[in-house]
Structures are given as structure tokens and as C-alpha cells.
Amino acid sequence: MRIKVLLICSECLSRNYVTTINSSGVKKEGFKKYCKHCGKQTLHKISK
């Protein structure tokens, strides 16, 4: 089953991305994504 999650930048705490992941993928710590507020690639953590 896929669940909808928010991805939050670990530096500026802005909510940039909404995505779906498998329920088994919840254990993953985060994703390296581009943050338009920071202007660079940062770690984005999962928030429900």
C-alpha cells in the first residue's frame, strides 16, 4: 500500500515536496532533493 508523505528540508524546515512511498519504505531516513529556498541540494526528511 502506498502512503502520501511530505518531504521537509532539514536546514530551512520548508515543506517542498509531496510524494507517495510504499509503506515498507517508511524506514528510509530521507531523500537528497533540491530546496528552492536554500538554493542547494539538502536532505529532506519524511513527514506524514
N, C-alpha and C. Protein backbone atom coordinates (compact mmCIF):
# COMPACT_ATOMS: atom_id res chain seq x y z
N MET A 1 0.84 -1.18 0.00
CA MET A 1 0.00 0.00 0.00
C MET A 1 0.89 1.25 0.00
N ARG A 2 0.51 2.24 -0.78
CA ARG A 2 1.29 3.48 -0.88
C ARG A 2 0.65 4.53 0.01
N ILE A 3 1.49 5.30 0.70
CA ILE A 3 1.00 6.37 1.56
C ILE A 3 1.56 7.70 1.09
N LYS A 4 0.82 8.77 1.31
CA LYS A 4 1.23 10.11 0.91
C LYS A 4 2.03 10.74 2.04
N VAL A 5 3.19 11.31 1.72
CA VAL A 5 4.05 11.93 2.72
C VAL A 5 4.53 13.29 2.23
N LEU A 6 4.90 14.14 3.16
CA LEU A 6 5.53 15.43 2.87
C LEU A 6 7.03 15.27 3.09
N LEU A 7 7.81 15.96 2.28
CA LEU A 7 9.26 15.99 2.47
C LEU A 7 9.64 17.38 2.96
N ILE A 8 10.34 17.43 4.09
CA ILE A 8 10.70 18.68 4.74
C ILE A 8 12.21 18.85 4.71
N CYS A 9 12.65 20.03 4.29
CA CYS A 9 14.08 20.34 4.23
C CYS A 9 14.65 20.32 5.65
N SER A 10 15.80 19.67 5.82
CA SER A 10 16.40 19.56 7.15
C SER A 10 17.09 20.85 7.58
N GLU A 11 17.36 21.78 6.65
CA GLU A 11 18.03 23.03 7.02
C GLU A 11 17.06 24.17 7.28
N CYS A 12 16.17 24.44 6.32
CA CYS A 12 15.27 25.60 6.49
C CYS A 12 13.86 25.20 6.93
N LEU A 13 13.59 23.90 7.03
CA LEU A 13 12.31 23.35 7.50
C LEU A 13 11.12 23.72 6.63
N SER A 14 11.36 24.04 5.35
CA SER A 14 10.24 24.32 4.45
C SER A 14 9.73 23.01 3.86
N ARG A 15 8.43 22.95 3.65
CA ARG A 15 7.80 21.76 3.07
C ARG A 15 7.76 21.93 1.56
N ASN A 16 8.64 21.21 0.86
CA ASN A 16 8.83 21.42 -0.57
C ASN A 16 8.13 20.40 -1.45
N TYR A 17 8.08 19.15 -1.03
CA TYR A 17 7.62 18.08 -1.91
C TYR A 17 6.53 17.26 -1.24
N VAL A 18 5.59 16.78 -2.07
CA VAL A 18 4.59 15.81 -1.66
C VAL A 18 4.77 14.61 -2.57
N THR A 19 4.90 13.42 -1.99
CA THR A 19 5.13 12.23 -2.79
C THR A 19 4.45 11.05 -2.13
N THR A 20 4.41 9.92 -2.83
CA THR A 20 3.88 8.69 -2.26
C THR A 20 5.01 7.68 -2.19
N ILE A 21 5.01 6.90 -1.13
CA ILE A 21 6.02 5.84 -0.96
C ILE A 21 5.30 4.58 -0.49
N ASN A 22 5.95 3.44 -0.70
CA ASN A 22 5.42 2.19 -0.18
C ASN A 22 5.46 2.23 1.34
N SER A 23 4.53 1.56 1.97
CA SER A 23 4.51 1.53 3.43
C SER A 23 5.76 0.86 3.98
N SER A 24 6.40 0.01 3.19
CA SER A 24 7.65 -0.61 3.63
C SER A 24 8.82 0.36 3.51
N GLY A 25 8.67 1.44 2.73
CA GLY A 25 9.73 2.43 2.55
C GLY A 25 9.76 3.51 3.61
N VAL A 26 8.87 3.42 4.60
CA VAL A 26 8.81 4.43 5.65
C VAL A 26 10.08 4.44 6.49
N LYS A 27 10.77 3.32 6.54
CA LYS A 27 12.00 3.22 7.33
C LYS A 27 13.14 4.05 6.75
N LYS A 28 13.01 4.43 5.48
CA LYS A 28 14.05 5.24 4.84
C LYS A 28 14.15 6.60 5.53
N GLU A 29 15.35 7.04 5.78
CA GLU A 29 15.57 8.24 6.56
C GLU A 29 15.21 9.52 5.82
N GLY A 30 15.49 9.58 4.53
CA GLY A 30 15.18 10.79 3.78
C GLY A 30 15.69 10.71 2.36
N PHE A 31 15.56 11.82 1.64
CA PHE A 31 15.96 11.90 0.25
C PHE A 31 16.81 13.15 0.05
N LYS A 32 17.78 13.08 -0.85
CA LYS A 32 18.53 14.27 -1.25
C LYS A 32 17.75 14.95 -2.36
N LYS A 33 17.19 16.12 -2.08
CA LYS A 33 16.38 16.85 -3.05
C LYS A 33 16.86 18.30 -3.10
N TYR A 34 16.50 18.99 -4.19
CA TYR A 34 16.83 20.40 -4.33
C TYR A 34 15.82 21.24 -3.55
N CYS A 35 16.31 22.16 -2.74
CA CYS A 35 15.45 23.08 -2.00
C CYS A 35 15.54 24.45 -2.65
N LYS A 36 14.41 24.96 -3.14
CA LYS A 36 14.44 26.25 -3.83
C LYS A 36 14.66 27.41 -2.86
N HIS A 37 14.38 27.20 -1.58
CA HIS A 37 14.59 28.25 -0.58
C HIS A 37 16.07 28.35 -0.18
N CYS A 38 16.73 27.20 -0.03
CA CYS A 38 18.16 27.18 0.31
C CYS A 38 19.03 27.39 -0.93
N GLY A 39 18.54 26.95 -2.09
CA GLY A 39 19.29 27.07 -3.32
C GLY A 39 20.33 25.98 -3.51
N LYS A 40 20.16 24.85 -2.83
CA LYS A 40 21.11 23.74 -2.97
C LYS A 40 20.42 22.42 -2.64
N GLN A 41 21.12 21.33 -2.87
CA GLN A 41 20.59 20.02 -2.54
C GLN A 41 20.80 19.75 -1.06
N THR A 42 19.72 19.40 -0.37
CA THR A 42 19.79 19.10 1.04
C THR A 42 19.03 17.82 1.33
N LEU A 43 19.19 17.29 2.51
CA LEU A 43 18.46 16.12 2.94
C LEU A 43 17.03 16.53 3.29
N HIS A 44 16.05 15.86 2.73
CA HIS A 44 14.65 16.11 3.03
C HIS A 44 14.11 14.91 3.80
N LYS A 45 13.60 15.16 4.99
CA LYS A 45 13.08 14.09 5.84
C LYS A 45 11.60 13.88 5.60
N ILE A 46 11.13 12.69 5.94
CA ILE A 46 9.75 12.30 5.71
C ILE A 46 8.87 12.77 6.86
N SER A 47 7.74 13.36 6.52
CA SER A 47 6.73 13.77 7.50
C SER A 47 5.38 13.30 6.97
N LYS A 48 4.51 12.82 7.85
CA LYS A 48 3.21 12.32 7.40
C LYS A 48 2.16 13.38 7.44
